[in-house]
C-alpha atoms as a PDB file:
ATOM      1  CA  MET A   1       0.000   0.000   0.000  1.00  0.00           C
ATOM      2  CA  SER A   2       1.392   3.415  -1.018  1.00  0.00           C
ATOM      3  CA  LYS A   3       0.446   6.665   0.630  1.00  0.00           C
ATOM      4  CA  LEU A   4      -0.291   8.245  -2.744  1.00  0.00           C
ATOM      5  CA  ALA A   5      -1.061   7.212  -6.298  1.00  0.00           C
ATOM      6  CA  PRO A   6       1.864   7.907  -8.691  1.00  0.00           C
ATOM      7  CA  GLN A   7       0.214  10.972 -10.243  1.00  0.00           C
ATOM      8  CA  ASP A   8      -0.304  12.555  -6.810  1.00  0.00           C
ATOM      9  CA  LYS A   9       3.250  12.135  -5.532  1.00  0.00           C
ATOM     10  CA  PHE A  10       5.177  15.342  -4.921  1.00  0.00           C
ATOM     11  CA  PHE A  11       8.620  16.397  -3.714  1.00  0.00           C
ATOM     12  CA  ASP A  12       8.103  16.387   0.040  1.00  0.00           C
ATOM     13  CA  LEU A  13      10.723  18.505   1.822  1.00  0.00           C
ATOM     14  CA  SER A  14       9.795  16.910   5.140  1.00  0.00           C
ATOM     15  CA  ASP A  15      10.160  13.334   3.896  1.00  0.00           C
ATOM     16  CA  TYR A  16      13.968  13.063   3.667  1.00  0.00           C
ATOM     17  CA  GLY A  17      13.829  10.148   6.106  1.00  0.00           C
ATOM     18  CA  ARG A  18      11.738   8.008   3.743  1.00  0.00           C
ATOM     19  CA  THR A  19      14.597   6.317   1.828  1.00  0.00           C
ATOM     20  CA  PRO A  20      16.697   5.355   4.887  1.00  0.00           C
ATOM     21  CA  GLY A  21      13.435   4.542   6.668  1.00  0.00           C
ATOM     22  CA  LYS A  22      12.520   2.074   3.915  1.00  0.00           C
ATOM     23  CA  LEU A  23      15.960   0.465   4.144  1.00  0.00           C
ATOM     24  CA  PHE A  24      15.570   0.085   7.903  1.00  0.00           C
ATOM     25  CA  ALA A  25      12.034  -1.283   7.536  1.00  0.00           C
ATOM     26  CA  ASN A  26      13.186  -3.828   4.949  1.00  0.00           C
ATOM     27  CA  ARG A  27      15.793  -5.073   7.399  1.00  0.00           C
ATOM     28  CA  LEU A  28      12.994  -5.732   9.874  1.00  0.00           C
ATOM     29  CA  LYS A  29      10.412  -7.277   7.567  1.00  0.00           C
ATOM     30  CA  ASN A  30      11.289 -10.884   8.471  1.00  0.00           C
ATOM     31  CA  THR A  31      11.781 -10.238  12.178  1.00  0.00           C
ATOM     32  CA  ARG A  32       9.404 -10.083  15.128  1.00  0.00           C
ATOM     33  CA  PHE A  33       9.681  -6.303  15.255  1.00  0.00           C
ATOM     34  CA  THR A  34       6.386  -4.549  14.643  1.00  0.00           C
ATOM     35  CA  PRO A  35       5.648  -0.948  13.618  1.00  0.00           C
ATOM     36  CA  ILE A  36       4.751  -0.262  17.270  1.00  0.00           C
ATOM     37  CA  HIS A  37       8.258  -1.324  18.329  1.00  0.00           C
ATOM     38  CA  VAL A  38       9.705   1.078  15.766  1.00  0.00           C
ATOM     39  CA  SER A  39       7.475   3.901  17.063  1.00  0.00           C
ATOM     40  CA  ILE A  40       8.801   3.261  20.565  1.00  0.00           C
ATOM     41  CA  LEU A  41      12.346   3.355  19.188  1.00  0.00           C
ATOM     42  CA  PHE A  42      11.871   6.777  17.610  1.00  0.00           C
ATOM     43  CA  GLY A  43      10.405   7.940  20.923  1.00  0.00           C
ATOM     44  CA  ILE A  44      13.588   6.803  22.671  1.00  0.00           C
ATOM     45  CA  CYS A  45      15.707   8.666  20.104  1.00  0.00           C
ATOM     46  CA  GLY A  46      13.671  11.783  20.802  1.00  0.00           C
ATOM     47  CA  LEU A  47      14.212  11.450  24.551  1.00  0.00           C
ATOM     48  CA  ILE A  48      17.961  11.060  24.009  1.00  0.00           C
ATOM     49  CA  ALA A  49      17.886  14.277  21.951  1.00  0.00           C
ATOM     50  CA  VAL A  50      16.076  16.061  24.799  1.00  0.00           C
ATOM     51  CA  TYR A  51      18.750  14.886  27.261  1.00  0.00           C
ATOM     52  CA  LEU A  52      21.534  16.047  24.925  1.00  0.00           C
ATOM     53  CA  ILE A  53      19.968  19.503  24.588  1.00  0.00           C
ATOM     54  CA  ILE A  54      19.834  19.815  28.370  1.00  0.00           C
ATOM     55  CA  GLU A  55      23.500  18.740  28.502  1.00  0.00           C
ATOM     56  CA  LYS A  56      24.248  21.375  25.822  1.00  0.00           C
ATOM     57  CA  GLN A  57      25.492  18.773  23.364  1.00  0.00           C
ATOM     58  CA  TYR A  58      23.657  20.536  20.580  1.00  0.00           C
ATOM     59  CA  TYR A  59      25.375  18.923  17.595  1.00  0.00           C
ATOM     60  CA  LEU A  60      24.670  15.418  18.900  1.00  0.00           C
ATOM     61  CA  ALA A  61      21.125  16.449  19.810  1.00  0.00           C
ATOM     62  CA  GLY A  62      20.568  17.531  16.207  1.00  0.00           C
ATOM     63  CA  ILE A  63      21.814  14.171  14.953  1.00  0.00           C
ATOM     64  CA  PHE A  64      19.380  12.294  17.198  1.00  0.00           C
ATOM     65  CA  ILE A  65      16.505  14.530  16.124  1.00  0.00           C
ATOM     66  CA  VAL A  66      17.216  13.695  12.479  1.00  0.00           C
ATOM     67  CA  LEU A  67      17.576  10.018  13.429  1.00  0.00           C
ATOM     68  CA  LYS A  68      14.188  10.246  15.129  1.00  0.00           C
ATOM     69  CA  SER A  69      12.704  11.529  11.855  1.00  0.00           C
ATOM     70  CA  ILE A  70      14.216   8.636   9.899  1.00  0.00           C
ATOM     71  CA  ILE A  71      12.923   6.019  12.327  1.00  0.00           C
ATOM     72  CA  ASP A  72       9.570   7.824  12.382  1.00  0.00           C
ATOM     73  CA  ALA A  73       9.317   7.164   8.639  1.00  0.00           C
ATOM     74  CA  ALA A  74      10.283   3.517   9.153  1.00  0.00           C
ATOM     75  CA  ASP A  75       7.293   2.515  11.286  1.00  0.00           C
ATOM     76  CA  GLY A  76       4.799   3.359   8.553  1.00  0.00           C
ATOM     77  CA  GLU A  77       6.992   1.705   5.943  1.00  0.00           C
ATOM     78  CA  LEU A  78       7.182  -1.460   8.029  1.00  0.00           C
ATOM     79  CA  ALA A  79       3.385  -1.465   8.350  1.00  0.00           C
ATOM     80  CA  ARG A  80       3.091  -1.267   4.564  1.00  0.00           C
ATOM     81  CA  ILE A  81       5.747  -3.939   3.954  1.00  0.00           C
ATOM     82  CA  LYS A  82       4.075  -6.345   6.373  1.00  0.00           C
ATOM     83  CA  ASN A  83       0.623  -5.215   5.220  1.00  0.00           C
ATOM     84  CA  THR A  84      -0.354  -4.472   8.823  1.00  0.00           C
ATOM     85  CA  PRO A  85      -1.810  -0.942   8.808  1.00  0.00           C
ATOM     86  CA  SER A  86      -3.310   0.030  12.148  1.00  0.00           C
ATOM     87  CA  TYR A  87      -5.031   2.928  13.812  1.00  0.00           C
ATOM     88  CA  THR A  88      -3.148   2.061  16.999  1.00  0.00           C
ATOM     89  CA  GLY A  89       0.160   2.783  15.303  1.00  0.00           C
ATOM     90  CA  ARG A  90      -1.183   5.875  13.556  1.00  0.00           C
ATOM     91  CA  TYR A  91      -2.420   7.493  16.783  1.00  0.00           C
ATOM     92  CA  LEU A  92       0.522   6.361  18.909  1.00  0.00           C
ATOM     93  CA  ASP A  93       2.906   7.881  16.367  1.00  0.00           C
ATOM     94  CA  SER A  94       1.074  11.219  16.496  1.00  0.00           C
ATOM     95  CA  VAL A  95       0.877  11.292  20.303  1.00  0.00           C
ATOM     96  CA  PHE A  96       4.616  10.602  20.551  1.00  0.00           C
ATOM     97  CA  ASP A  97       5.278  13.411  18.073  1.00  0.00           C
ATOM     98  CA  ILE A  98       3.381  16.097  19.974  1.00  0.00           C
ATOM     99  CA  LEU A  99       4.903  15.085  23.310  1.00  0.00           C
ATOM    100  CA  LEU A 100       8.419  15.148  21.871  1.00  0.00           C
ATOM    101  CA  ASN A 101       7.823  18.520  20.205  1.00  0.00           C
ATOM    102  CA  PHE A 102       6.856  19.989  23.567  1.00  0.00           C
ATOM    103  CA  MET A 103       9.865  18.391  25.238  1.00  0.00           C
ATOM    104  CA  PHE A 104      12.281  19.674  22.559  1.00  0.00           C
ATOM    105  CA  LEU A 105      11.037  23.232  23.005  1.00  0.00           C
ATOM    106  CA  SER A 106      10.995  22.925  26.802  1.00  0.00           C
ATOM    107  CA  ALA A 107      14.607  21.699  26.805  1.00  0.00           C
ATOM    108  CA  ILE A 108      15.582  24.608  24.537  1.00  0.00           C
ATOM    109  CA  CYS A 109      13.820  26.956  26.944  1.00  0.00           C
ATOM    110  CA  TYR A 110      15.730  25.423  29.880  1.00  0.00           C
ATOM    111  CA  VAL A 111      19.201  26.013  28.388  1.00  0.00           C
ATOM    112  CA  SER A 112      18.494  29.364  26.703  1.00  0.00           C
ATOM    113  CA  THR A 113      17.181  32.745  27.779  1.00  0.00           C
ATOM    114  CA  THR A 114      13.836  32.086  26.087  1.00  0.00           C
ATOM    115  CA  PRO A 115      10.910  32.770  28.459  1.00  0.00           C
ATOM    116  CA  PHE A 116       8.468  29.920  28.979  1.00  0.00           C
ATOM    117  CA  TRP A 117       5.498  31.930  27.720  1.00  0.00           C
ATOM    118  CA  MET A 118       7.284  32.317  24.388  1.00  0.00           C
ATOM    119  CA  THR A 119       7.977  28.584  24.365  1.00  0.00           C
ATOM    120  CA  LEU A 120       4.250  27.923  24.723  1.00  0.00           C
ATOM    121  CA  ILE A 121       3.487  30.246  21.807  1.00  0.00           C
ATOM    122  CA  ALA A 122       6.150  28.543  19.673  1.00  0.00           C
ATOM    123  CA  PHE A 123       4.729  25.122  20.552  1.00  0.00           C
ATOM    124  CA  PHE A 124       1.258  26.286  19.533  1.00  0.00           C
ATOM    125  CA  CYS A 125       2.661  27.683  16.274  1.00  0.00           C
ATOM    126  CA  ILE A 126       4.616  24.527  15.413  1.00  0.00           C
ATOM    127  CA  GLN A 127       1.562  22.363  15.978  1.00  0.00           C
ATOM    128  CA  LEU A 128      -0.654  24.657  13.937  1.00  0.00           C
ATOM    129  CA  GLN A 129       1.893  24.612  11.103  1.00  0.00           C
ATOM    130  CA  GLY A 130       2.049  20.823  11.177  1.00  0.00           C
ATOM    131  CA  THR A 131      -1.734  20.577  11.284  1.00  0.00           C
ATOM    132  CA  LEU A 132      -2.043  22.620   8.092  1.00  0.00           C
ATOM    133  CA  TYR A 133       0.388  20.274   6.321  1.00  0.00           C
ATOM    134  CA  ASN A 134      -1.453  17.205   7.616  1.00  0.00           C
ATOM    135  CA  TYR A 135      -4.837  18.661   6.648  1.00  0.00           C
ATOM    136  CA  TYR A 136      -3.933  19.138   3.007  1.00  0.00           C
ATOM    137  CA  TYR A 137      -1.867  15.939   2.864  1.00  0.00           C
ATOM    138  CA  VAL A 138      -4.613  13.751   4.338  1.00  0.00           C
ATOM    139  CA  ILE A 139      -7.152  15.248   1.922  1.00  0.00           C
ATOM    140  CA  LEU A 140      -4.826  14.304  -0.925  1.00  0.00           C
ATOM    141  CA  ARG A 141      -4.237  10.801   0.473  1.00  0.00           C
ATOM    142  CA  ASN A 142      -7.913  10.096   0.974  1.00  0.00           C
ATOM    143  CA  ASN A 143      -8.749  11.187  -2.572  1.00  0.00           C
ATOM    144  CA  SER A 144      -5.766   9.437  -4.158  1.00  0.00           C
ATOM    145  CA  ALA A 145      -6.611   6.130  -5.860  1.00  0.00           C
ATOM    146  CA  GLY A 146      -5.169   3.339  -3.742  1.00  0.00           C
ATOM    147  CA  GLY A 147      -3.753   5.782  -1.203  1.00  0.00           C
ATOM    148  CA  ASP A 148      -3.285   5.076   2.499  1.00  0.00           C
ATOM    149  CA  LYS A 149      -6.505   5.963   4.332  1.00  0.00           C
ATOM    150  CA  THR A 150      -5.628   5.173   7.966  1.00  0.00           C
ATOM    151  CA  SER A 151      -5.600   8.953   8.513  1.00  0.00           C
ATOM    152  CA  GLN A 152      -8.964  10.687   8.222  1.00  0.00           C
ATOM    153  CA  ILE A 153      -9.717  14.280   7.214  1.00  0.00           C
ATOM    154  CA  PHE A 154     -12.022  14.654  10.207  1.00  0.00           C
ATOM    155  CA  GLU A 155     -10.991  12.579  13.216  1.00  0.00           C
ATOM    156  CA  ASP A 156     -14.245  13.118  15.099  1.00  0.00           C
ATOM    157  CA  LYS A 157     -15.346   9.470  15.177  1.00  0.00           C
ATOM    158  CA  THR A 158     -13.527   6.486  16.608  1.00  0.00           C
ATOM    159  CA  PRO A 159     -12.628   4.242  13.657  1.00  0.00           C
ATOM    160  CA  LYS A 160     -13.269   0.524  13.593  1.00  0.00           C
ATOM    161  CA  ALA A 161     -10.178  -1.445  14.533  1.00  0.00           C
ATOM    162  CA  LEU A 162      -8.329  -3.116  11.686  1.00  0.00           C
ATOM    163  CA  GLY A 163      -7.265  -6.753  11.741  1.00  0.00           C
ATOM    164  CA  GLY A 164      -4.853  -7.609  14.526  1.00  0.00           C
ATOM    165  CA  GLU A 165      -5.544  -4.618  16.759  1.00  0.00           C
ATOM    166  CA  SER A 166      -7.805  -4.104  19.744  1.00  0.00           C
ATOM    167  CA  GLN A 167     -10.867  -1.877  19.420  1.00  0.00           C
ATOM    168  CA  LYS A 168     -10.318  -0.766  23.024  1.00  0.00           C
ATOM    169  CA  SER A 169      -6.756   0.370  22.239  1.00  0.00           C
ATOM    170  CA  VAL A 170      -7.970   2.228  19.162  1.00  0.00           C
ATOM    171  CA  ALA A 171     -10.714   3.947  21.190  1.00  0.00           C
ATOM    172  CA  ILE A 172      -8.314   5.022  23.976  1.00  0.00           C
ATOM    173  CA  LEU A 173      -5.651   6.321  21.600  1.00  0.00           C
ATOM    174  CA  HIS A 174      -8.259   8.079  19.461  1.00  0.00           C
ATOM    175  CA  MET A 175      -9.558   9.849  22.562  1.00  0.00           C
ATOM    176  CA  ILE A 176      -6.021  10.962  23.516  1.00  0.00           C
ATOM    177  CA  TYR A 177      -5.412  12.057  19.930  1.00  0.00           C
ATOM    178  CA  THR A 178      -8.558  14.197  19.830  1.00  0.00           C
ATOM    179  CA  ILE A 179      -7.631  15.806  23.165  1.00  0.00           C
ATOM    180  CA  VAL A 180      -4.129  16.852  22.085  1.00  0.00           C
ATOM    181  CA  TYR A 181      -4.825  17.589  18.411  1.00  0.00           C
ATOM    182  CA  GLY A 182      -8.531  18.414  18.275  1.00  0.00           C
ATOM    183  CA  GLY A 183      -8.130  22.126  18.940  1.00  0.00           C
ATOM    184  CA  PHE A 184      -5.504  22.556  16.233  1.00  0.00           C
ATOM    185  CA  ASP A 185      -7.637  20.605  13.758  1.00  0.00           C
ATOM    186  CA  LYS A 186     -10.630  22.838  14.443  1.00  0.00           C
ATOM    187  CA  ILE A 187      -8.614  26.024  13.934  1.00  0.00           C
ATOM    188  CA  ILE A 188      -7.248  24.881  10.570  1.00  0.00           C
ATOM    189  CA  HIS A 189     -10.647  23.595   9.442  1.00  0.00           C
ATOM    190  CA  ALA A 190     -12.149  26.980  10.353  1.00  0.00           C
ATOM    191  CA  LEU A 191      -9.445  28.851   8.420  1.00  0.00           C
ATOM    192  CA  ASP A 192      -9.943  26.721   5.277  1.00  0.00           C
ATOM    193  CA  SER A 193     -13.221  24.888   5.697  1.00  0.00           C
ATOM    194  CA  ASP A 194     -13.735  24.133   1.996  1.00  0.00           C
ATOM    195  CA  ALA A 195     -10.351  22.568   1.200  1.00  0.00           C
ATOM    196  CA  TYR A 196     -11.615  19.018   1.752  1.00  0.00           C
ATOM    197  CA  LYS A 197     -13.999  19.443  -1.189  1.00  0.00           C
ATOM    198  CA  LEU A 198     -11.070  19.480  -3.624  1.00  0.00           C
ATOM    199  CA  LYS A 199     -10.175  16.198  -5.302  1.00  0.00           C
ATOM    200  CA  THR A 200      -6.456  16.909  -5.493  1.00  0.00           C
ATOM    201  CA  PHE A 201      -3.757  19.559  -5.082  1.00  0.00           C
ATOM    202  CA  PRO A 202      -1.004  20.457  -7.587  1.00  0.00           C
ATOM    203  CA  ASN A 203       2.408  18.954  -6.819  1.00  0.00           C
ATOM    204  CA  TRP A 204       4.023  22.390  -6.564  1.00  0.00           C
ATOM    205  CA  PHE A 205       1.513  23.435  -3.923  1.00  0.00           C
ATOM    206  CA  MET A 206       2.081  20.339  -1.801  1.00  0.00           C
ATOM    207  CA  THR A 207       5.856  20.845  -2.007  1.00  0.00           C
ATOM    208  CA  PHE A 208       5.349  24.371  -0.679  1.00  0.00           C
ATOM    209  CA  VAL A 209       3.069  23.015   2.070  1.00  0.00           C
ATOM    210  CA  SER A 210       5.749  20.465   3.058  1.00  0.00           C
ATOM    211  CA  LEU A 211       7.752  23.356   4.533  1.00  0.00           C
ATOM    212  CA  TYR A 212       5.430  22.727   7.486  1.00  0.00           C
ATOM    213  CA  GLY A 213       5.894  18.953   7.589  1.00  0.00           C
ATOM    214  CA  LEU A 214       7.224  17.690  10.911  1.00  0.00           C
ATOM    215  CA  GLY A 215      10.351  16.274   9.306  1.00  0.00           C
ATOM    216  CA  PHE A 216      11.307  19.662   7.843  1.00  0.00           C
ATOM    217  CA  GLN A 217      10.496  21.454  11.107  1.00  0.00           C
ATOM    218  CA  LEU A 218      12.785  19.067  12.985  1.00  0.00           C
ATOM    219  CA  LEU A 219      15.491  19.451  10.334  1.00  0.00           C
ATOM    220  CA  LEU A 220      15.413  23.214  10.876  1.00  0.00           C
ATOM    221  CA  ILE A 221      15.689  22.721  14.643  1.00  0.00           C
ATOM    222  CA  SER A 222      18.611  20.315  14.118  1.00  0.00           C
ATOM    223  CA  LEU A 223      20.463  22.760  11.867  1.00  0.00           C
ATOM    224  CA  MET A 224      19.933  25.644  14.273  1.00  0.00           C
ATOM    225  CA  LEU A 225      21.190  23.511  17.162  1.00  0.00           C
ATOM    226  CA  ALA A 226      24.266  22.452  15.199  1.00  0.00           C
ATOM    227  CA  LEU A 227      25.000  26.108  14.339  1.00  0.00           C
ATOM    228  CA  ASP A 228      24.530  27.081  17.992  1.00  0.00           C
ATOM    229  CA  TYR A 229      21.577  29.329  17.129  1.00  0.00           C
ATOM    230  CA  ILE A 230      19.614  28.033  20.088  1.00  0.00           C
ATOM    231  CA  GLU A 231      18.439  31.491  21.129  1.00  0.00           C
ATOM    232  CA  TYR A 232      16.748  31.984  17.756  1.00  0.00           C
ATOM    233  CA  ILE A 233      14.820  28.703  17.524  1.00  0.00           C
ATOM    234  CA  THR A 234      11.746  29.735  19.476  1.00  0.00           C
ATOM    235  CA  PRO A 235      11.234  33.187  17.913  1.00  0.00           C
ATOM    236  CA  PHE A 236      11.944  31.733  14.461  1.00  0.00           C
ATOM    237  CA  PHE A 237       9.082  29.240  14.667  1.00  0.00           C
ATOM    238  CA  ILE A 238       6.707  31.933  15.871  1.00  0.00           C
ATOM    239  CA  GLY A 239       7.546  34.092  12.851  1.00  0.00           C
ATOM    240  CA  TYR A 240       7.520  31.048  10.554  1.00  0.00           C
ATOM    241  CA  SER A 241       3.763  30.855  11.100  1.00  0.00           C
ATOM    242  CA  VAL A 242       3.215  33.667   8.587  1.00  0.00           C
ATOM    243  CA  PHE A 243       3.223  31.011   5.835  1.00  0.00           C
ATOM    244  CA  ILE A 244      -0.004  29.567   7.271  1.00  0.00           C
ATOM    245  CA  PHE A 245      -1.929  32.545   5.961  1.00  0.00           C
ATOM    246  CA  ILE A 246       0.070  32.681   2.716  1.00  0.00           C
ATOM    247  CA  LEU A 247      -0.628  29.004   1.946  1.00  0.00           C
ATOM    248  CA  ILE A 248      -4.310  29.273   2.794  1.00  0.00           C
ATOM    249  CA  GLY A 249      -4.528  32.432   0.692  1.00  0.00           C
ATOM    250  CA  ILE A 250      -2.928  30.652  -2.279  1.00  0.00           C
ATOM    251  CA  ARG A 251      -5.289  27.720  -1.884  1.00  0.00           C
ATOM    252  CA  LYS A 252      -8.369  29.925  -1.788  1.00  0.00           C
ATOM    253  CA  GLN A 253      -7.277  32.215  -4.605  1.00  0.00           C
ATOM    254  CA  PHE A 254      -5.816  29.776  -7.106  1.00  0.00           C
ATOM    255  CA  LEU A 255      -7.174  26.346  -6.136  1.00  0.00           C
ATOM    256  CA  LYS A 256     -10.849  27.000  -5.914  1.00  0.00           C
ATOM    257  CA  VAL A 257     -13.457  24.391  -5.051  1.00  0.00           C
END
């Protein structure tokens, strides 16, 4: 199962971990390791990065953040290779991501002069940016012939568990997901409520949108850590939010329903 049909594939700036992620997933295809195990592994990598930031080992922290992105790509690839898609893995992956994002920014706040209130604003901005990318990307995936549909445009209903997973686990993780992501989803839906009516988006537009993909956000954080620009990370991501309104404006003006 591919995420997108061939004609809908685009150059995704946030998806640099896909190729090494596929290689890693292929190494695991005949083992007992499951996509859930891989999700836990990327969570561990993220925690190591948090520890390294606190210890002011910024270059190493950046490496582990990029490694986290690569392993993050591998869990979905392993699910496709083993033909074991699951809502459990989909929601667990997303919950890990938002927790790690908060921990990265909190660690940066701890070792820099950034006030905590600004950290909270930056966290809100990063999540809103990522939600816009996911909104358009999931619309494209759901409308793409043969695309991966474990992610839904509107996550307001608990999905039916797929083969091999517990309905109770799906229900619990869906509830957690809606608590931590629901507000961001509602804001983006309110800002561009008609986008889901489109059948597809041009490749150039989705490449532009991928500036807000989690992988690209983490790559920017990694580069800024490696360059010892730690004081600029938080204010940068607040200002980076200006593209939300530019992207939505482009969509409404040039990609009409």
